[in-house]
Amino acid sequence: MNDHREPGKIILINGASSAGKSTLARSLQLQLPEPFLHWSFDHLRESNALPMARIRNGELDWARMRPTVFDGFHRSLPAFAQAGTNLIVDHIIEQEQWLADLVELLAPFDVFFVGVHCPLPELERRERHRVTGAPERLARTFTPCIA
């Protein structure tokens, strides 16, 4: 392992579902002079890294799995940065404890926190037009999102 490389930088984009986090992340990737990996929980879900079929059919209890899965997602961020990977993290920080954990985990790194805000009627309109959108996701994330 090369422990002498420069740590990666992190841009952490936080906002409700459909607020425009992924669009902003993709735009930043195209415009920033350095390479940045776009990393989000949605990527894990969409890549089948999570056993979604077993979660959806009730065989696995998502409520029970969720805390450890998100803790692992959060802990992966400093691992990428320590390896020298620049990250654009697209996330919904739903709990104040998640924010506290992220601040502690990412304290050794250069982190730029970005809050993406969008009025509820626009979020609802965007959610209706998303191919992968789930209407219950918006209701769950709009209010508790920690800004």
Foldseek 3Di string as FASTA:
>chain_A
DDQPDAFAEEEEEAEAPLLCLVVVVVVCCVPPPDHADEDEPVVCVVVCVDVVVCCVVPVDPCVVVVVVVVVVVLLVVRVCRSVPHYYYYYYFAQDPVSVVVNCVNCVVHHYHYHYRDDDPVVSQVSLVPDPPHDVVRRVSRHPRRDD
